[in-house]
Amino acid sequence: MIALAMPLLAPFFAGAHAGDSSWTRWGGPTGDFKVVGPELVEAWPESGPRRLWEIELGSGYSAVLCRGDRLYTAYSEEENEIVVALDRKDGALVWDYAYEAGRYPDMTKSFGEGPNATPLLIADRLVTIGITGKVTCLRADSGDPALGAGPPREVRTPEAARGVRLLRHPARIRRQDPRLGRR
């Protein structure tokens, strides 16, 4: 079980810093994992920083994204992967979306149960990639499906590429505009 606690990053997620409070992708606003904000204290009280809230989530390696009053992340529980939106002030569940994670027959658990990717916020969409490569696109405000590519499947390769395993999503290998739900 992973516990998501908000003590050290509280000023950042609460929007108390001077910069943009959005953290919509892996690595943050500039991709360098740096936060612009107030200076942290040199030494914490013996009791540590004040804990604002805490929530128990399942397994996985998804980072937390932030935009406005919402936090987004993904985790796994039993045979499902679950994408959640939480209220940044108190950790209350705003919405969740669960789907069967699936496993390949030769898949080991050496990298955990998954998901092993951080979602991505693009406009009003939240895009996730599950442990088996399933791409899911949800409406960030409601968690309703916006686009879904389904599980990947193997495709035949040309003679020159024999021995290379290619995966193709049912949505075809085309650029999709997540804001419009069209190619």
C-alpha atoms as a PDB file:
ATOM      1  CA  MET A   1       0.000   0.000   0.000  1.00  0.00           C
ATOM      2  CA  ILE A   2       1.198   3.487  -0.789  1.00  0.00           C
ATOM      3  CA  ALA A   3       0.187   6.373   1.452  1.00  0.00           C
ATOM      4  CA  LEU A   4      -0.041   9.748  -0.213  1.00  0.00           C
ATOM      5  CA  ALA A   5       0.784  12.357   2.405  1.00  0.00           C
ATOM      6  CA  MET A   6       0.942  16.078   1.796  1.00  0.00           C
ATOM      7  CA  PRO A   7       3.238  17.603   4.414  1.00  0.00           C
ATOM      8  CA  LEU A   8       6.348  18.799   2.538  1.00  0.00           C
ATOM      9  CA  LEU A   9       4.664  19.848  -0.689  1.00  0.00           C
ATOM     10  CA  ALA A  10       1.735  21.540   1.006  1.00  0.00           C
ATOM     11  CA  PRO A  11       2.742  25.100   0.036  1.00  0.00           C
ATOM     12  CA  PHE A  12       3.210  24.022  -3.580  1.00  0.00           C
ATOM     13  CA  PHE A  13      -0.077  22.145  -3.929  1.00  0.00           C
ATOM     14  CA  ALA A  14      -1.966  24.770  -1.949  1.00  0.00           C
ATOM     15  CA  GLY A  15      -0.911  27.393  -4.492  1.00  0.00           C
ATOM     16  CA  ALA A  16       0.973  29.476  -1.926  1.00  0.00           C
ATOM     17  CA  HIS A  17       3.991  30.064  -4.120  1.00  0.00           C
ATOM     18  CA  ALA A  18       4.571  32.804  -6.652  1.00  0.00           C
ATOM     19  CA  GLY A  19       4.679  30.612  -9.764  1.00  0.00           C
ATOM     20  CA  ASP A  20       2.102  28.562 -11.608  1.00  0.00           C
ATOM     21  CA  SER A  21       0.629  25.898  -9.303  1.00  0.00           C
ATOM     22  CA  SER A  22       0.049  23.413 -12.137  1.00  0.00           C
ATOM     23  CA  TRP A  23       2.136  20.242 -12.277  1.00  0.00           C
ATOM     24  CA  THR A  24       0.552  18.602 -15.304  1.00  0.00           C
ATOM     25  CA  ARG A  25       3.267  16.175 -16.426  1.00  0.00           C
ATOM     26  CA  TRP A  26       6.246  14.135 -15.292  1.00  0.00           C
ATOM     27  CA  GLY A  27       8.894  16.559 -14.072  1.00  0.00           C
ATOM     28  CA  GLY A  28       6.554  19.484 -13.498  1.00  0.00           C
ATOM     29  CA  PRO A  29       5.942  22.670 -15.469  1.00  0.00           C
ATOM     30  CA  THR A  30       9.437  22.836 -16.964  1.00  0.00           C
ATOM     31  CA  GLY A  31      10.310  19.122 -16.902  1.00  0.00           C
ATOM     32  CA  ASP A  32      13.204  19.631 -14.468  1.00  0.00           C
ATOM     33  CA  PHE A  33      11.433  18.730 -11.185  1.00  0.00           C
ATOM     34  CA  LYS A  34      12.048  22.213  -9.775  1.00  0.00           C
ATOM     35  CA  VAL A  35       9.423  24.062  -7.778  1.00  0.00           C
ATOM     36  CA  VAL A  36       9.357  27.841  -7.626  1.00  0.00           C
ATOM     37  CA  GLY A  37       8.081  28.885  -4.253  1.00  0.00           C
ATOM     38  CA  PRO A  38       8.848  29.978  -0.747  1.00  0.00           C
ATOM     39  CA  GLU A  39      12.091  28.900   0.847  1.00  0.00           C
ATOM     40  CA  LEU A  40      11.840  25.770   2.960  1.00  0.00           C
ATOM     41  CA  VAL A  41      12.874  26.020   6.573  1.00  0.00           C
ATOM     42  CA  GLU A  42      16.390  24.874   7.421  1.00  0.00           C
ATOM     43  CA  ALA A  43      15.229  22.561  10.199  1.00  0.00           C
ATOM     44  CA  TRP A  44      11.799  21.095  10.897  1.00  0.00           C
ATOM     45  CA  PRO A  45      10.378  20.947  14.411  1.00  0.00           C
ATOM     46  CA  GLU A  46      11.005  17.589  16.057  1.00  0.00           C
ATOM     47  CA  SER A  47       7.388  16.628  15.324  1.00  0.00           C
ATOM     48  CA  GLY A  48       7.960  17.346  11.606  1.00  0.00           C
ATOM     49  CA  PRO A  49       5.864  19.550   9.341  1.00  0.00           C
ATOM     50  CA  ARG A  50       2.104  19.753   9.910  1.00  0.00           C
ATOM     51  CA  ARG A  51       0.328  16.977   7.996  1.00  0.00           C
ATOM     52  CA  LEU A  52      -2.585  18.351   6.001  1.00  0.00           C
ATOM     53  CA  TRP A  53      -4.108  15.004   5.024  1.00  0.00           C
ATOM     54  CA  GLU A  54      -3.270  11.447   4.082  1.00  0.00           C
ATOM     55  CA  ILE A  55      -4.930   8.825   1.878  1.00  0.00           C
ATOM     56  CA  GLU A  56      -4.182   5.129   1.373  1.00  0.00           C
ATOM     57  CA  LEU A  57      -3.812   4.043  -2.249  1.00  0.00           C
ATOM     58  CA  GLY A  58      -2.773   0.743  -3.845  1.00  0.00           C
ATOM     59  CA  SER A  59       0.474  -0.158  -5.627  1.00  0.00           C
ATOM     60  CA  GLY A  60       2.171   1.633  -8.473  1.00  0.00           C
ATOM     61  CA  TYR A  61       4.758   4.175  -9.527  1.00  0.00           C
ATOM     62  CA  SER A  62       2.574   6.992 -10.824  1.00  0.00           C
ATOM     63  CA  ALA A  63       3.535  10.500  -9.724  1.00  0.00           C
ATOM     64  CA  VAL A  64       0.928  13.017  -8.610  1.00  0.00           C
ATOM     65  CA  LEU A  65      -0.206  15.776 -10.978  1.00  0.00           C
ATOM     66  CA  CYS A  66      -1.806  19.045  -9.889  1.00  0.00           C
ATOM     67  CA  ARG A  67      -4.023  21.559 -11.655  1.00  0.00           C
ATOM     68  CA  GLY A  68      -6.295  23.992  -9.857  1.00  0.00           C
ATOM     69  CA  ASP A  69      -8.042  22.297  -6.943  1.00  0.00           C
ATOM     70  CA  ARG A  70      -7.374  18.770  -8.212  1.00  0.00           C
ATOM     71  CA  LEU A  71      -4.643  16.180  -7.781  1.00  0.00           C
ATOM     72  CA  TYR A  72      -4.470  13.222 -10.200  1.00  0.00           C
ATOM     73  CA  THR A  73      -2.666   9.886  -9.948  1.00  0.00           C
ATOM     74  CA  ALA A  74      -3.070   6.192 -10.775  1.00  0.00           C
ATOM     75  CA  TYR A  75      -2.496   2.969  -8.857  1.00  0.00           C
ATOM     76  CA  SER A  76      -3.393  -0.728  -8.954  1.00  0.00           C
ATOM     77  CA  GLU A  77      -5.538  -2.766  -6.633  1.00  0.00           C
ATOM     78  CA  GLU A  78      -5.998  -6.505  -7.198  1.00  0.00           C
ATOM     79  CA  GLU A  79      -6.593  -6.943 -10.963  1.00  0.00           C
ATOM     80  CA  ASN A  80      -7.542  -3.321 -11.662  1.00  0.00           C
ATOM     81  CA  GLU A  81      -5.745  -0.083 -12.382  1.00  0.00           C
ATOM     82  CA  ILE A  82      -7.486   2.935 -10.915  1.00  0.00           C
ATOM     83  CA  VAL A  83      -7.133   6.566 -11.960  1.00  0.00           C
ATOM     84  CA  VAL A  84      -8.251   9.104  -9.340  1.00  0.00           C
ATOM     85  CA  ALA A  85      -8.869  12.803  -8.936  1.00  0.00           C
ATOM     86  CA  LEU A  86      -8.582  14.118  -5.389  1.00  0.00           C
ATOM     87  CA  ASP A  87      -9.369  17.471  -3.810  1.00  0.00           C
ATOM     88  CA  ARG A  88      -5.996  19.057  -3.022  1.00  0.00           C
ATOM     89  CA  LYS A  89      -7.237  20.709   0.174  1.00  0.00           C
ATOM     90  CA  ASP A  90      -8.494  17.633   2.035  1.00  0.00           C
ATOM     91  CA  GLY A  91      -7.701  14.573  -0.137  1.00  0.00           C
ATOM     92  CA  ALA A  92     -11.380  13.794  -0.701  1.00  0.00           C
ATOM     93  CA  LEU A  93     -12.107  11.592  -3.699  1.00  0.00           C
ATOM     94  CA  VAL A  94     -13.567  13.667  -6.550  1.00  0.00           C
ATOM     95  CA  TRP A  95     -13.840  10.767  -9.017  1.00  0.00           C
ATOM     96  CA  ASP A  96     -12.219   7.453  -9.830  1.00  0.00           C
ATOM     97  CA  TYR A  97     -12.064   5.336 -12.962  1.00  0.00           C
ATOM     98  CA  ALA A  98     -11.107   1.638 -12.782  1.00  0.00           C
ATOM     99  CA  TYR A  99     -10.337  -0.809 -15.570  1.00  0.00           C
ATOM    100  CA  GLU A 100      -8.970  -4.334 -15.714  1.00  0.00           C
ATOM    101  CA  ALA A 101      -5.199  -4.089 -15.853  1.00  0.00           C
ATOM    102  CA  GLY A 102      -4.543  -7.378 -17.622  1.00  0.00           C
ATOM    103  CA  ARG A 103      -1.225  -9.152 -17.819  1.00  0.00           C
ATOM    104  CA  TYR A 104       0.839 -10.702 -20.584  1.00  0.00           C
ATOM    105  CA  PRO A 105       1.521 -14.426 -20.053  1.00  0.00           C
ATOM    106  CA  ASP A 106       5.279 -13.835 -19.694  1.00  0.00           C
ATOM    107  CA  MET A 107       4.953 -10.682 -17.604  1.00  0.00           C
ATOM    108  CA  THR A 108       6.947 -10.712 -14.369  1.00  0.00           C
ATOM    109  CA  LYS A 109       6.345  -8.542 -11.359  1.00  0.00           C
ATOM    110  CA  SER A 110       9.949  -7.323 -11.232  1.00  0.00           C
ATOM    111  CA  PHE A 111       8.734  -3.784 -11.942  1.00  0.00           C
ATOM    112  CA  GLY A 112       5.736  -4.030  -9.638  1.00  0.00           C
ATOM    113  CA  GLU A 113       2.019  -4.396 -10.246  1.00  0.00           C
ATOM    114  CA  GLY A 114       1.825  -1.118 -12.163  1.00  0.00           C
ATOM    115  CA  PRO A 115       0.890   1.317 -13.333  1.00  0.00           C
ATOM    116  CA  ASN A 116       4.435   2.449 -13.943  1.00  0.00           C
ATOM    117  CA  ALA A 117       3.704   5.706 -15.746  1.00  0.00           C
ATOM    118  CA  THR A 118       2.553   9.145 -14.673  1.00  0.00           C
ATOM    119  CA  PRO A 119      -0.644  10.437 -16.289  1.00  0.00           C
ATOM    120  CA  LEU A 120      -0.500  13.506 -18.520  1.00  0.00           C
ATOM    121  CA  LEU A 121      -2.888  16.466 -18.390  1.00  0.00           C
ATOM    122  CA  ILE A 122      -3.539  17.960 -21.833  1.00  0.00           C
ATOM    123  CA  ALA A 123      -6.167  20.691 -21.979  1.00  0.00           C
ATOM    124  CA  ASP A 124      -9.252  19.160 -20.320  1.00  0.00           C
ATOM    125  CA  ARG A 125      -8.104  15.541 -20.757  1.00  0.00           C
ATOM    126  CA  LEU A 126      -6.131  13.173 -18.536  1.00  0.00           C
ATOM    127  CA  VAL A 127      -4.213  10.511 -20.479  1.00  0.00           C
ATOM    128  CA  THR A 128      -2.884   7.372 -18.773  1.00  0.00           C
ATOM    129  CA  ILE A 129      -0.860   4.365 -19.911  1.00  0.00           C
ATOM    130  CA  GLY A 130      -1.381   1.144 -17.978  1.00  0.00           C
ATOM    131  CA  ILE A 131       1.068  -1.675 -17.215  1.00  0.00           C
ATOM    132  CA  THR A 132       0.163  -3.491 -20.465  1.00  0.00           C
ATOM    133  CA  GLY A 133       0.268  -0.351 -22.589  1.00  0.00           C
ATOM    134  CA  LYS A 134      -3.456   0.360 -22.502  1.00  0.00           C
ATOM    135  CA  VAL A 135      -3.997   4.048 -23.262  1.00  0.00           C
ATOM    136  CA  THR A 136      -6.968   5.679 -21.559  1.00  0.00           C
ATOM    137  CA  CYS A 137      -8.127   9.240 -22.069  1.00  0.00           C
ATOM    138  CA  LEU A 138     -10.522  10.668 -19.475  1.00  0.00           C
ATOM    139  CA  ARG A 139     -12.235  13.993 -19.013  1.00  0.00           C
ATOM    140  CA  ALA A 140     -10.234  15.626 -16.225  1.00  0.00           C
ATOM    141  CA  ASP A 141     -13.291  17.224 -14.618  1.00  0.00           C
ATOM    142  CA  SER A 142     -15.469  14.090 -14.402  1.00  0.00           C
ATOM    143  CA  GLY A 143     -13.350  10.994 -15.056  1.00  0.00           C
ATOM    144  CA  ASP A 144     -15.648  10.024 -17.935  1.00  0.00           C
ATOM    145  CA  PRO A 145     -13.939   8.276 -20.866  1.00  0.00           C
ATOM    146  CA  ALA A 146     -13.051  10.667 -23.686  1.00  0.00           C
ATOM    147  CA  LEU A 147     -10.939   8.408 -25.897  1.00  0.00           C
ATOM    148  CA  GLY A 148      -9.920   4.806 -25.399  1.00  0.00           C
ATOM    149  CA  ALA A 149      -7.427   2.958 -27.480  1.00  0.00           C
ATOM    150  CA  GLY A 150      -8.018  -0.438 -25.864  1.00  0.00           C
ATOM    151  CA  PRO A 151      -5.394  -3.055 -25.155  1.00  0.00           C
ATOM    152  CA  PRO A 152      -2.514  -3.384 -27.585  1.00  0.00           C
ATOM    153  CA  ARG A 153      -2.328  -6.334 -29.966  1.00  0.00           C
ATOM    154  CA  GLU A 154       0.430  -7.842 -32.061  1.00  0.00           C
ATOM    155  CA  VAL A 155       0.608  -7.059 -35.754  1.00  0.00           C
ATOM    156  CA  ARG A 156       2.454  -8.754 -38.588  1.00  0.00           C
ATOM    157  CA  THR A 157       5.715  -7.175 -39.536  1.00  0.00           C
ATOM    158  CA  PRO A 158       7.329  -6.928 -42.965  1.00  0.00           C
ATOM    159  CA  GLU A 159      10.029  -9.483 -43.834  1.00  0.00           C
ATOM    160  CA  ALA A 160      12.778  -6.915 -43.174  1.00  0.00           C
ATOM    161  CA  ALA A 161      11.622  -6.506 -39.576  1.00  0.00           C
ATOM    162  CA  ARG A 162      11.233 -10.188 -38.653  1.00  0.00           C
ATOM    163  CA  GLY A 163      12.139 -10.835 -35.054  1.00  0.00           C
ATOM    164  CA  VAL A 164      10.905  -7.382 -34.003  1.00  0.00           C
ATOM    165  CA  ARG A 165       7.713  -7.449 -31.985  1.00  0.00           C
ATOM    166  CA  LEU A 166       5.445  -4.543 -32.763  1.00  0.00           C
ATOM    167  CA  LEU A 167       2.355  -3.611 -30.822  1.00  0.00           C
ATOM    168  CA  ARG A 168      -0.449  -1.622 -32.343  1.00  0.00           C
ATOM    169  CA  HIS A 169      -3.451  -0.146 -30.602  1.00  0.00           C
ATOM    170  CA  PRO A 170      -6.905  -0.615 -32.147  1.00  0.00           C
ATOM    171  CA  ALA A 171      -7.092   3.185 -32.498  1.00  0.00           C
ATOM    172  CA  ARG A 172      -4.449   2.789 -35.237  1.00  0.00           C
ATOM    173  CA  ILE A 173      -1.057   4.364 -35.245  1.00  0.00           C
ATOM    174  CA  ARG A 174      -2.224   7.888 -35.887  1.00  0.00           C
ATOM    175  CA  ARG A 175      -1.973  11.135 -34.061  1.00  0.00           C
ATOM    176  CA  GLN A 176      -5.053  11.732 -31.912  1.00  0.00           C
ATOM    177  CA  ASP A 177      -6.048  15.164 -30.696  1.00  0.00           C
ATOM    178  CA  PRO A 178      -7.135  14.549 -27.074  1.00  0.00           C
ATOM    179  CA  ARG A 179      -8.890  17.926 -26.889  1.00  0.00           C
ATOM    180  CA  LEU A 180     -11.226  17.113 -29.738  1.00  0.00           C
ATOM    181  CA  GLY A 181     -11.406  13.325 -29.629  1.00  0.00           C
ATOM    182  CA  ARG A 182     -10.553  13.217 -33.330  1.00  0.00           C
ATOM    183  CA  ARG A 183      -7.629  12.195 -35.495  1.00  0.00           C
END
